[in-house]
Structure formats: C-alpha cells, structure tokens
C-alpha cells in the first residue's frame, strides 16, 4: 500500500459547483467568443454549433477520422478510449476541460490541412492584451524599481509573476513591503508564502538551470519573462528553459508564438522594460534562455505521470517553477484535498526541487495552516478558492 495521500477526484457532476459552472456556462461562452473573434466559414460554424450542443446535452465523442494517428494514440492512452460515450460532467473535470480545448481546435480546423491550419483561435484576445494601455502602465512601473536593491527588485518581480495581470499592484506592494514580504500582512491575499525558501534555491552566482513552466500569455507572460531576465542578470541562474504549450490551450495559455509577441512588446517599450527585453533577446541568441514544448504539457494528466524525457529535464534543474492555476492542479492532483494536506507530501514524487506561483481560481488547495483555512472560510465561505483574489507561493526543496 502506498503512503501517498489521496482524496476524491474532482468532477463536474454536482450542480452549483464551480466545475459544473465551467462546463455548463464558461465553455459555451468560449465557443461563442471563438466564433465571433475570427471570420470563420460555414464549416467551422457548423462544427462549433455541434460542440455547443455536445457540451449541453451530448456525450464525449472520439476524435475525427482524419486525426493524426500519433495524436489519436496519445489521447487514447490519456483516457479517451474509456470516456467515449460518457457525459462531460461525469468524467474527471481536468480531463473534460483538456479534451474540450482539443476538440475546439478541431472545430476551427487548427489541425486539418487547409487555410485555417495552425491559426490560433485565441490569438485576437491574447494579442490585444499586449497592446492594452494597462500593459504600457505596468511596463512603465518597472522604471521605479531601478532605484531599489537587487533583492527588492527580485521580490517585486516575483510578485509580479505571481499575480500576473495585477503586476502593477504587485510591484508596488512588493517594493514597499520587501522587508516583510514573507507574511500575509505584507502582501494581502497571499495565503501561503515560501518565498524565502524559493530564493534560497536560487543563490547569487548559481550555475543552475531554472525550468519555468508557463501558464498564460499576454499580460501574464510578460512578468514571467521579466522575472527570468532578473534571475539571469543577477546570476542566480545560468540558464532558463521556458516550457510552453505545443498548441493553443485553455484560451490564454502561452505558446511559442506568444513568447515571440511578448518579447517583441518588451523591446518596443522604453526604459527598463526595453532593457529587459534586449537582455532576453540576447539570452535566446546565446542559449541562456530557450523555449521548450512537449505534447504532455497539453495533456489531461497529473505531473505524477511525467514522461521519461521531461522527468529527466526537471530532475537536472536547480528548480522547476510552475506558474498558474492549471499547472497547480496538475502538480498536486485535481482532487478535493483537505486544505491542510501537506504540499510537500503531494509533490513528493516530483523528480527535483519544485515551486509554484499560483493565483487561486479553482477548488484545489494544499499546504495551508489550519488557522489560515479557518480565517478564510469564516470571512468568505468557499469563494476564496476560486475568486482569483488570493494567491500562494509554495516550494518543495526536496532537502
């Protein structure tokens, strides 16, 4: 018998639950958004309408007959064979969400030969973020950090990466409260903070590699790149590998094209933002920064099932840093854990030191103290788990 902790797998079959609302409400809204964002033809419109009906009152269907055999084999190995014919609501929620995005890409012709092959259906939304006035304001805020110490800049950029498109607030909070950034009082909304442990794994003059598994594109990828630039510039890492999705996923998840867009946006800015952009561009050229992708990164499986090649890469890293809510769900397991379940216990199978920066947008949570859980429940019920107003920094140093 294994001593590893376990808990019920999350599904969407309970009306009124957050997973049920995602399947019943968010997915139809995404289909409509995709339909309206690009000038698709009748074939795509019919396929999107079919997917809309399938999610509402249909069942999971197999991939189309013309699907690449290797892709079909992967999805069958990932569970499709056992879920065909079942309701979207009765299978594991993580699996249902992942497969929804896979079949959405089929509906718009992303994988099929033709004029829409390889065209990201979510690009209009992601690209618009980079050109938004808020993005310019956030990048301009970097200039104020240059008078701070390297430690203060590092903490500010760490919190910028943590909060994503609330980066402007994060820079301010972290820069002003750097001395006490390890406490909830210093950074409101932070329910767990292992940042001191994280920094201890990335000491100055380190020769190690950081594996950063990205989450969202646009205004959330930019802070990840800024943090990476700082770590390279301060010689806390010798090399960074940025892991992105192999194809569009979960609306805003980053792909290689999104990395190029973000770097271009940085270099087109002024002041400190442009300097960071130039540093990253040079780092790409000399190999200190590289971009990596893998089909498993867009799979519906937890990271306990890492393929051998990714396992070896993460095992060799000084630190693997997972960004975002979806990566957190896959890292700890998409289960109804008691919030006080040990983060170190549920990540014990990971092959090397691992950290996560996550804004809470789903029910999964581990690693909280009993006092913190009680305080949050008393103040907010269960909404603190999904509202996006709370965040955490958790680390398993594997010491």
Protein backbone atom coordinates (compact mmCIF):
# COMPACT_ATOMS: atom_id res chain seq x y z
CA UNK A 1 0.00 0.00 0.00
CA UNK A 2 1.24 3.47 -0.86
CA UNK A 3 1.67 6.08 1.87
CA UNK A 4 0.93 8.88 -0.61
CA UNK A 5 -2.10 10.99 0.38
CA UNK A 6 -5.25 10.71 -1.70
CA UNK A 7 -8.60 12.45 -2.00
CA UNK A 8 -11.67 12.32 -4.29
CA UNK A 9 -11.08 13.32 -7.91
CA UNK A 10 -12.95 16.48 -8.91
CA UNK A 11 -15.74 16.06 -11.48
CA UNK A 12 -18.38 18.46 -12.77
CA UNK A 13 -21.44 16.40 -11.92
CA UNK A 14 -22.60 18.43 -8.91
CA UNK A 15 -24.96 21.26 -9.98
CA UNK A 16 -23.95 24.54 -8.40
CA UNK A 17 -20.30 23.53 -8.03
CA UNK A 18 -17.53 25.54 -9.65
CA UNK A 19 -16.51 22.72 -12.06
CA UNK A 20 -20.15 22.31 -13.14
CA UNK A 21 -20.40 26.03 -13.89
CA UNK A 22 -17.27 25.90 -16.04
CA UNK A 23 -18.67 23.07 -18.17
CA UNK A 24 -22.22 24.45 -18.32
CA UNK A 25 -21.54 28.18 -18.64
CA UNK A 26 -17.90 29.02 -19.37
CA UNK A 27 -17.33 26.54 -22.18
CA UNK A 28 -20.39 27.67 -24.18
CA UNK A 29 -19.27 31.27 -23.71
CA UNK A 30 -15.81 30.39 -25.02
CA UNK A 31 -17.30 28.71 -28.10
CA UNK A 32 -19.30 31.85 -28.85
CA UNK A 33 -16.27 34.05 -28.25
CA UNK A 34 -14.15 32.00 -30.66
CA UNK A 35 -16.93 32.05 -33.26
CA UNK A 36 -17.16 35.84 -33.14
CA UNK A 37 -13.42 36.61 -32.93
CA UNK A 38 -12.42 35.31 -36.38
CA UNK A 39 -14.14 35.29 -39.80
CA UNK A 40 -14.74 31.55 -39.92
CA UNK A 41 -16.79 29.98 -42.70
CA UNK A 42 -19.90 27.75 -42.64
CA UNK A 43 -17.94 24.56 -41.91
CA UNK A 44 -16.38 25.98 -38.76
CA UNK A 45 -19.70 27.48 -37.67
CA UNK A 46 -21.43 24.11 -38.00
CA UNK A 47 -18.67 22.35 -36.09
CA UNK A 48 -18.76 24.93 -33.29
CA UNK A 49 -22.55 24.61 -33.08
CA UNK A 50 -22.19 20.83 -32.83
CA UNK A 51 -19.68 21.23 -29.99
CA UNK A 52 -22.05 23.64 -28.24
CA UNK A 53 -24.83 21.05 -28.36
CA UNK A 54 -22.48 18.25 -27.29
CA UNK A 55 -21.46 20.07 -24.14
CA UNK A 56 -25.03 20.91 -23.23
CA UNK A 57 -26.80 17.57 -23.69
CA UNK A 58 -24.47 15.26 -25.57
CA UNK A 59 -21.63 12.90 -24.73
CA UNK A 60 -17.89 12.73 -25.34
CA UNK A 61 -17.08 11.58 -28.86
CA UNK A 62 -13.91 10.16 -30.39
CA UNK A 63 -11.57 12.35 -32.42
CA UNK A 64 -12.45 12.79 -36.13
CA UNK A 65 -11.50 10.08 -38.58
CA UNK A 66 -8.77 12.19 -40.19
CA UNK A 67 -6.90 12.82 -36.92
CA UNK A 68 -3.15 12.25 -36.98
CA UNK A 69 -2.62 8.64 -35.81
CA UNK A 70 0.02 9.63 -33.27
CA UNK A 71 -2.29 12.24 -31.75
CA UNK A 72 -5.18 9.77 -31.63
CA UNK A 73 -2.94 7.22 -29.94
CA UNK A 74 -1.84 9.79 -27.34
CA UNK A 75 -5.40 10.73 -26.46
CA UNK A 76 -6.49 7.12 -26.21
CA UNK A 77 -3.53 6.49 -23.91
CA UNK A 78 -4.62 9.56 -21.91
CA UNK A 79 -8.07 8.08 -21.27
CA UNK A 80 -10.21 8.86 -24.32
CA UNK A 81 -10.93 5.20 -25.03
CA UNK A 82 -12.64 4.77 -21.65
CA UNK A 83 -14.56 8.06 -21.73
CA UNK A 84 -16.15 7.97 -25.20
CA UNK A 85 -19.93 7.88 -24.78
CA UNK A 86 -19.88 9.34 -21.27
CA UNK A 87 -21.25 12.70 -20.19
CA UNK A 88 -18.79 15.57 -19.96
CA UNK A 89 -19.94 16.00 -16.37
CA UNK A 90 -19.15 12.52 -15.08
CA UNK A 91 -15.50 12.22 -16.11
CA UNK A 92 -12.65 13.91 -14.20
CA UNK A 93 -13.00 17.67 -14.57
CA UNK A 94 -9.36 18.19 -15.57
CA UNK A 95 -9.78 15.63 -18.34
CA UNK A 96 -13.07 17.11 -19.57
CA UNK A 97 -11.60 20.62 -19.73
CA UNK A 98 -8.49 19.49 -21.58
CA UNK A 99 -10.42 17.46 -24.13
CA UNK A 100 -12.85 20.34 -24.70
CA UNK A 101 -9.99 22.53 -25.91
CA UNK A 102 -8.65 19.74 -28.08
CA UNK A 103 -11.97 19.27 -29.90
CA UNK A 104 -12.49 23.04 -30.10
CA UNK A 105 -9.29 23.22 -32.15
CA UNK A 106 -10.67 20.52 -34.42
CA UNK A 107 -13.87 22.52 -34.90
CA UNK A 108 -11.98 25.54 -36.25
CA UNK A 109 -9.67 23.49 -38.46
CA UNK A 110 -6.49 24.05 -36.49
CA UNK A 111 -5.05 20.59 -37.16
CA UNK A 112 -6.52 19.85 -40.59
CA UNK A 113 -4.83 20.79 -43.86
CA UNK A 114 -6.34 23.99 -45.18
CA UNK A 115 -6.29 27.77 -44.75
CA UNK A 116 -7.05 27.67 -41.01
CA UNK A 117 -4.38 25.13 -40.14
CA UNK A 118 -2.20 26.43 -37.32
CA UNK A 119 -4.25 29.61 -36.80
CA UNK A 120 -4.67 30.23 -33.07
CA UNK A 121 -8.39 30.86 -32.37
CA UNK A 122 -7.48 32.67 -29.16
CA UNK A 123 -4.82 34.96 -30.65
CA UNK A 124 -7.12 38.02 -31.01
CA UNK A 125 -7.71 38.03 -27.25
CA UNK A 126 -4.10 37.33 -26.28
CA UNK A 127 -2.57 39.83 -28.68
CA UNK A 128 -4.99 42.59 -27.68
CA UNK A 129 -3.74 42.34 -24.09
CA UNK A 130 -0.20 43.23 -25.10
CA UNK A 131 -1.37 46.42 -26.77
CA UNK A 132 -3.70 47.48 -23.97
CA UNK A 133 -2.94 50.73 -22.10
CA UNK A 134 -2.70 48.75 -18.85
CA UNK A 135 0.25 46.81 -20.25
CA UNK A 136 2.10 50.02 -21.01
CA UNK A 137 1.42 51.29 -17.50
CA UNK A 138 2.73 48.08 -15.97
CA UNK A 139 5.90 48.22 -18.05
CA UNK A 140 6.45 51.87 -17.17
CA UNK A 141 6.27 50.91 -13.47
CA UNK A 142 9.50 48.97 -13.94
CA UNK A 143 11.46 52.22 -14.07
CA UNK A 144 10.62 52.96 -10.44
CA UNK A 145 12.19 49.67 -9.38
CA UNK A 146 15.63 50.51 -10.72
CA UNK A 147 16.47 52.58 -7.63
CA UNK A 148 15.73 49.60 -5.37
CA UNK A 149 18.21 46.99 -4.26
CA UNK A 150 18.56 43.81 -6.30
CA UNK A 151 16.73 41.91 -3.54
CA UNK A 152 13.83 44.37 -3.58
CA UNK A 153 13.61 44.21 -7.37
CA UNK A 154 13.64 40.44 -7.22
CA UNK A 155 10.79 40.32 -4.72
CA UNK A 156 8.77 42.80 -6.77
CA UNK A 157 9.25 40.82 -9.96
CA UNK A 158 8.46 37.56 -8.18
CA UNK A 159 5.15 39.01 -7.03
CA UNK A 160 4.54 40.45 -10.47
CA UNK A 161 4.86 36.94 -11.88
CA UNK A 162 2.64 35.57 -9.11
CA UNK A 163 -0.22 37.98 -9.69
CA UNK A 164 0.02 38.13 -13.48
CA UNK A 165 -2.13 40.94 -14.83
CA UNK A 166 -2.19 42.55 -11.41
CA UNK A 167 1.52 43.11 -11.84
CA UNK A 168 1.28 46.86 -11.34
CA UNK A 169 -0.16 46.35 -7.86
CA UNK A 170 2.36 43.61 -7.15
CA UNK A 171 5.34 45.80 -7.98
CA UNK A 172 4.08 48.41 -5.56
CA UNK A 173 3.26 46.00 -2.75
CA UNK A 174 6.48 44.07 -3.04
CA UNK A 175 8.74 47.08 -3.37
CA UNK A 176 7.19 48.88 -0.40
CA UNK A 177 6.94 45.81 1.80
CA UNK A 178 10.04 43.90 0.84
CA UNK A 179 11.30 43.56 4.39
CA UNK A 180 8.17 41.70 5.43
CA UNK A 181 7.22 40.05 2.18
CA UNK A 182 7.11 36.64 3.83
CA UNK A 183 3.98 37.45 5.81
CA UNK A 184 0.34 37.72 4.80
CA UNK A 185 0.21 41.18 6.37
CA UNK A 186 2.84 42.47 3.92
CA UNK A 187 1.03 41.10 0.85
CA UNK A 188 -2.74 40.96 1.27
CA UNK A 189 -4.29 37.92 -0.40
CA UNK A 190 -1.22 35.70 -0.04
CA UNK A 191 -2.41 32.57 1.77
CA UNK A 192 0.94 30.73 1.79
CA UNK A 193 4.40 32.16 1.25
CA UNK A 194 7.53 30.03 0.84
CA UNK A 195 9.38 32.79 -0.99
CA UNK A 196 12.37 32.69 1.37
CA UNK A 197 12.83 29.01 0.54
CA UNK A 198 12.48 29.78 -3.16
CA UNK A 199 15.22 32.41 -3.03
CA UNK A 200 17.47 30.04 -1.08
CA UNK A 201 17.33 27.65 -4.03
CA UNK A 202 18.47 30.42 -6.40
CA UNK A 203 21.52 31.93 -4.68
CA UNK A 204 23.74 34.53 -6.35
CA UNK A 205 26.43 33.13 -8.63
CA UNK A 206 24.45 29.97 -9.22
CA UNK A 207 25.34 27.76 -12.16
CA UNK A 208 21.98 26.03 -12.17
CA UNK A 209 19.10 25.84 -14.63
CA UNK A 210 15.62 27.16 -13.98
CA UNK A 211 12.77 25.29 -15.68
CA UNK A 212 9.82 27.67 -15.81
CA UNK A 213 6.56 26.01 -16.87
CA UNK A 214 4.49 28.92 -18.17
CA UNK A 215 0.79 29.48 -17.80
CA UNK A 216 -0.93 32.35 -19.60
CA UNK A 217 0.21 34.53 -22.48
CA UNK A 218 -0.16 38.28 -22.87
CA UNK A 219 0.00 40.40 -19.74
CA UNK A 220 0.67 37.33 -17.60
CA UNK A 221 3.61 36.01 -19.62
CA UNK A 222 5.40 39.37 -19.61
CA UNK A 223 6.01 39.32 -15.81
CA UNK A 224 7.32 35.74 -16.11
CA UNK A 225 9.85 36.92 -18.67
CA UNK A 226 10.80 39.90 -16.51
CA UNK A 227 11.45 37.62 -13.54
CA UNK A 228 13.56 35.35 -15.76
CA UNK A 229 15.57 38.34 -17.01
CA UNK A 230 16.26 39.45 -13.44
CA UNK A 231 17.44 35.98 -12.39
CA UNK A 232 19.79 35.81 -15.37
CA UNK A 233 21.06 39.35 -14.86
CA UNK A 234 21.75 38.75 -11.15
CA UNK A 235 23.44 35.41 -11.95
CA UNK A 236 21.02 33.49 -9.75
CA UNK A 237 20.67 31.07 -12.67
CA UNK A 238 22.99 30.32 -15.55
CA UNK A 239 20.25 29.16 -17.88
CA UNK A 240 16.45 29.22 -18.12
CA UNK A 241 14.18 26.89 -20.07
CA UNK A 242 10.68 28.23 -20.69
CA UNK A 243 8.09 25.49 -21.22
CA UNK A 244 5.03 26.46 -23.26
CA UNK A 245 2.07 24.63 -24.79
CA UNK A 246 2.54 22.86 -28.15
CA UNK A 247 -0.77 24.25 -29.43
CA UNK A 248 -3.41 26.76 -28.23
CA UNK A 249 -4.93 25.64 -24.96
CA UNK A 250 -7.26 26.95 -22.24
CA UNK A 251 -7.86 30.20 -24.19
CA UNK A 252 -4.86 32.11 -22.87
CA UNK A 253 -2.11 29.52 -22.32
CA UNK A 254 1.22 30.54 -23.82
CA UNK A 255 2.67 29.04 -26.99
CA UNK A 256 5.97 29.81 -28.73
CA UNK A 257 4.25 32.46 -30.86
CA UNK A 258 3.05 34.16 -27.68
CA UNK A 259 6.62 34.23 -26.33
CA UNK A 260 7.76 35.98 -29.51
CA UNK A 261 4.91 38.51 -29.19
CA UNK A 262 5.77 39.20 -25.55
CA UNK A 263 9.48 39.66 -26.23
CA UNK A 264 8.70 41.97 -29.13
CA UNK A 265 6.39 44.01 -26.91
CA UNK A 266 9.11 44.39 -24.29
CA UNK A 267 11.68 45.53 -26.82
CA UNK A 268 9.26 48.07 -28.27
CA UNK A 269 8.82 49.68 -24.85
CA UNK A 270 11.14 52.24 -23.30
CA UNK A 271 13.30 52.43 -20.20
CA UNK A 272 13.80 49.37 -18.04
CA UNK A 273 11.26 47.27 -19.94
CA UNK A 274 13.22 47.63 -23.17
CA UNK A 275 16.46 46.76 -21.38
CA UNK A 276 14.90 43.59 -20.02
CA UNK A 277 13.62 42.77 -23.50
CA UNK A 278 17.08 43.22 -25.03
CA UNK A 279 18.63 41.06 -22.33
CA UNK A 280 16.16 38.24 -23.02
CA UNK A 281 16.61 38.55 -26.79
CA UNK A 282 20.37 38.18 -26.37
CA UNK A 283 19.88 35.30 -23.97
CA UNK A 284 17.83 33.49 -26.60
CA UNK A 285 20.63 34.00 -29.11
CA UNK A 286 23.40 32.64 -26.88
CA UNK A 287 21.39 29.79 -25.33
CA UNK A 288 20.96 31.11 -21.81
CA UNK A 289 17.22 31.19 -22.47
CA UNK A 290 15.45 28.58 -24.56
CA UNK A 291 11.85 27.66 -25.30
CA UNK A 292 10.69 24.06 -24.99
CA UNK A 293 7.38 22.36 -25.61
CA UNK A 294 6.02 18.83 -25.35
CA UNK A 295 2.64 17.16 -26.01
CA UNK A 296 2.40 16.21 -22.33
CA UNK A 297 2.19 19.89 -21.40
CA UNK A 298 -1.27 19.96 -23.04
CA UNK A 299 -2.38 16.61 -21.68
CA UNK A 300 -5.14 15.94 -19.12
CA UNK A 301 -2.79 14.07 -16.80
CA UNK A 302 -1.17 14.99 -13.47
CA UNK A 303 2.58 15.54 -13.28
CA UNK A 304 2.94 12.28 -11.39
CA UNK A 305 2.71 10.72 -14.87
CA UNK A 306 5.57 12.68 -16.43
CA UNK A 307 7.14 11.01 -19.47
CA UNK A 308 10.76 9.99 -19.06
CA UNK A 309 12.26 12.83 -21.12
CA UNK A 310 10.52 15.59 -19.16
CA UNK A 311 11.23 13.81 -15.89
CA UNK A 312 14.94 13.80 -16.69
CA UNK A 313 14.93 17.51 -17.59
CA UNK A 314 13.17 18.53 -14.39
CA UNK A 315 15.42 16.24 -12.33
CA UNK A 316 18.50 18.08 -13.62
CA UNK A 317 17.14 21.56 -12.90
CA UNK A 318 18.16 23.69 -9.96
CA UNK A 319 14.45 24.48 -9.64
CA UNK A 320 11.29 23.83 -11.63
CA UNK A 321 8.81 26.68 -11.24
CA UNK A 322 5.19 26.06 -12.19
CA UNK A 323 3.03 29.05 -13.00
CA UNK A 324 -0.71 29.35 -12.63
CA UNK A 325 -3.81 27.53 -11.53
CA UNK A 326 -3.92 24.77 -14.14
CA UNK A 327 -0.31 23.75 -13.53
CA UNK A 328 -1.03 23.68 -9.80
CA UNK A 329 -3.97 21.33 -10.35
CA UNK A 330 -1.77 19.02 -12.37
CA UNK A 331 1.13 19.25 -9.91
CA UNK A 332 -0.77 18.32 -6.74
CA UNK A 333 -3.58 16.35 -8.40
CA UNK A 334 -7.04 17.72 -9.26
CA UNK A 335 -8.68 16.43 -6.10
CA UNK A 336 -10.73 17.68 -3.18
CA UNK A 337 -7.76 17.78 -0.81
CA UNK A 338 -8.28 18.98 2.73
CA UNK A 339 -6.56 22.40 2.57
CA UNK A 340 -4.16 21.41 5.35
CA UNK A 341 -2.78 18.49 3.29
CA UNK A 342 0.99 18.83 3.08
CA UNK A 343 2.20 20.36 -0.19
CA UNK A 344 5.47 18.51 0.22
CA UNK A 345 3.66 15.19 0.58
CA UNK A 346 1.55 15.60 -2.56
CA UNK A 347 4.59 16.68 -4.60
CA UNK A 348 6.95 14.06 -3.17
CA UNK A 349 7.08 12.17 -6.48
CA UNK A 350 8.34 15.16 -8.43
CA UNK A 351 11.90 14.46 -9.62
CA UNK A 352 13.56 17.63 -8.30
CA UNK A 353 13.06 20.82 -6.31
CA UNK A 354 9.73 22.35 -7.29
CA UNK A 355 7.92 25.63 -6.65
CA UNK A 356 4.59 27.06 -7.70
CA UNK A 357 3.31 30.60 -8.15
CA UNK A 358 -0.46 30.46 -8.31
CA UNK A 359 -3.46 32.76 -8.18
CA UNK A 360 -6.36 30.71 -6.81
CA UNK A 361 -9.01 30.10 -9.48
CA UNK A 362 -10.24 26.57 -8.68
CA UNK A 363 -11.13 24.44 -5.67
CA UNK A 364 -7.81 22.62 -5.32
CA UNK A 365 -5.65 23.75 -2.42
CA UNK A 366 -2.96 22.21 -0.21
CA UNK A 367 -0.38 23.40 2.25
CA UNK A 368 -2.45 25.82 4.34
CA UNK A 369 -2.27 26.13 8.09
CA UNK A 370 -5.43 25.28 9.99
CA UNK A 371 -5.63 28.88 11.21
CA UNK A 372 -5.43 30.31 7.70
CA UNK A 373 -8.10 27.92 6.42
CA UNK A 374 -10.43 28.80 9.31
CA UNK A 375 -9.88 32.53 8.79
CA UNK A 376 -10.62 32.34 5.06
CA UNK A 377 -13.70 30.16 5.49
CA UNK A 378 -15.11 32.43 8.17
CA UNK A 379 -14.61 35.54 6.06
CA UNK A 380 -15.53 34.26 2.60
CA UNK A 381 -17.05 30.78 2.69
CA UNK A 382 -15.63 28.82 -0.25
CA UNK A 383 -15.32 31.77 -2.64
CA UNK A 384 -11.68 32.43 -1.69
CA UNK A 385 -10.71 29.27 -3.56
CA UNK A 386 -11.96 30.44 -6.97
CA UNK A 387 -12.22 34.23 -6.95
CA UNK A 388 -8.66 34.99 -8.11
CA UNK A 389 -8.17 37.41 -5.21
CA UNK A 390 -5.84 35.09 -3.27
CA UNK A 391 -2.52 33.58 -4.23
CA UNK A 392 0.26 31.38 -2.92
CA UNK A 393 3.96 30.67 -3.23
CA UNK A 394 4.76 27.08 -2.29
CA UNK A 395 8.06 25.20 -2.51
CA UNK A 396 9.21 21.64 -2.04
CA UNK A 397 13.01 21.93 -1.91
CA UNK A 398 13.46 18.14 -1.74
CA UNK A 399 16.02 18.53 1.04
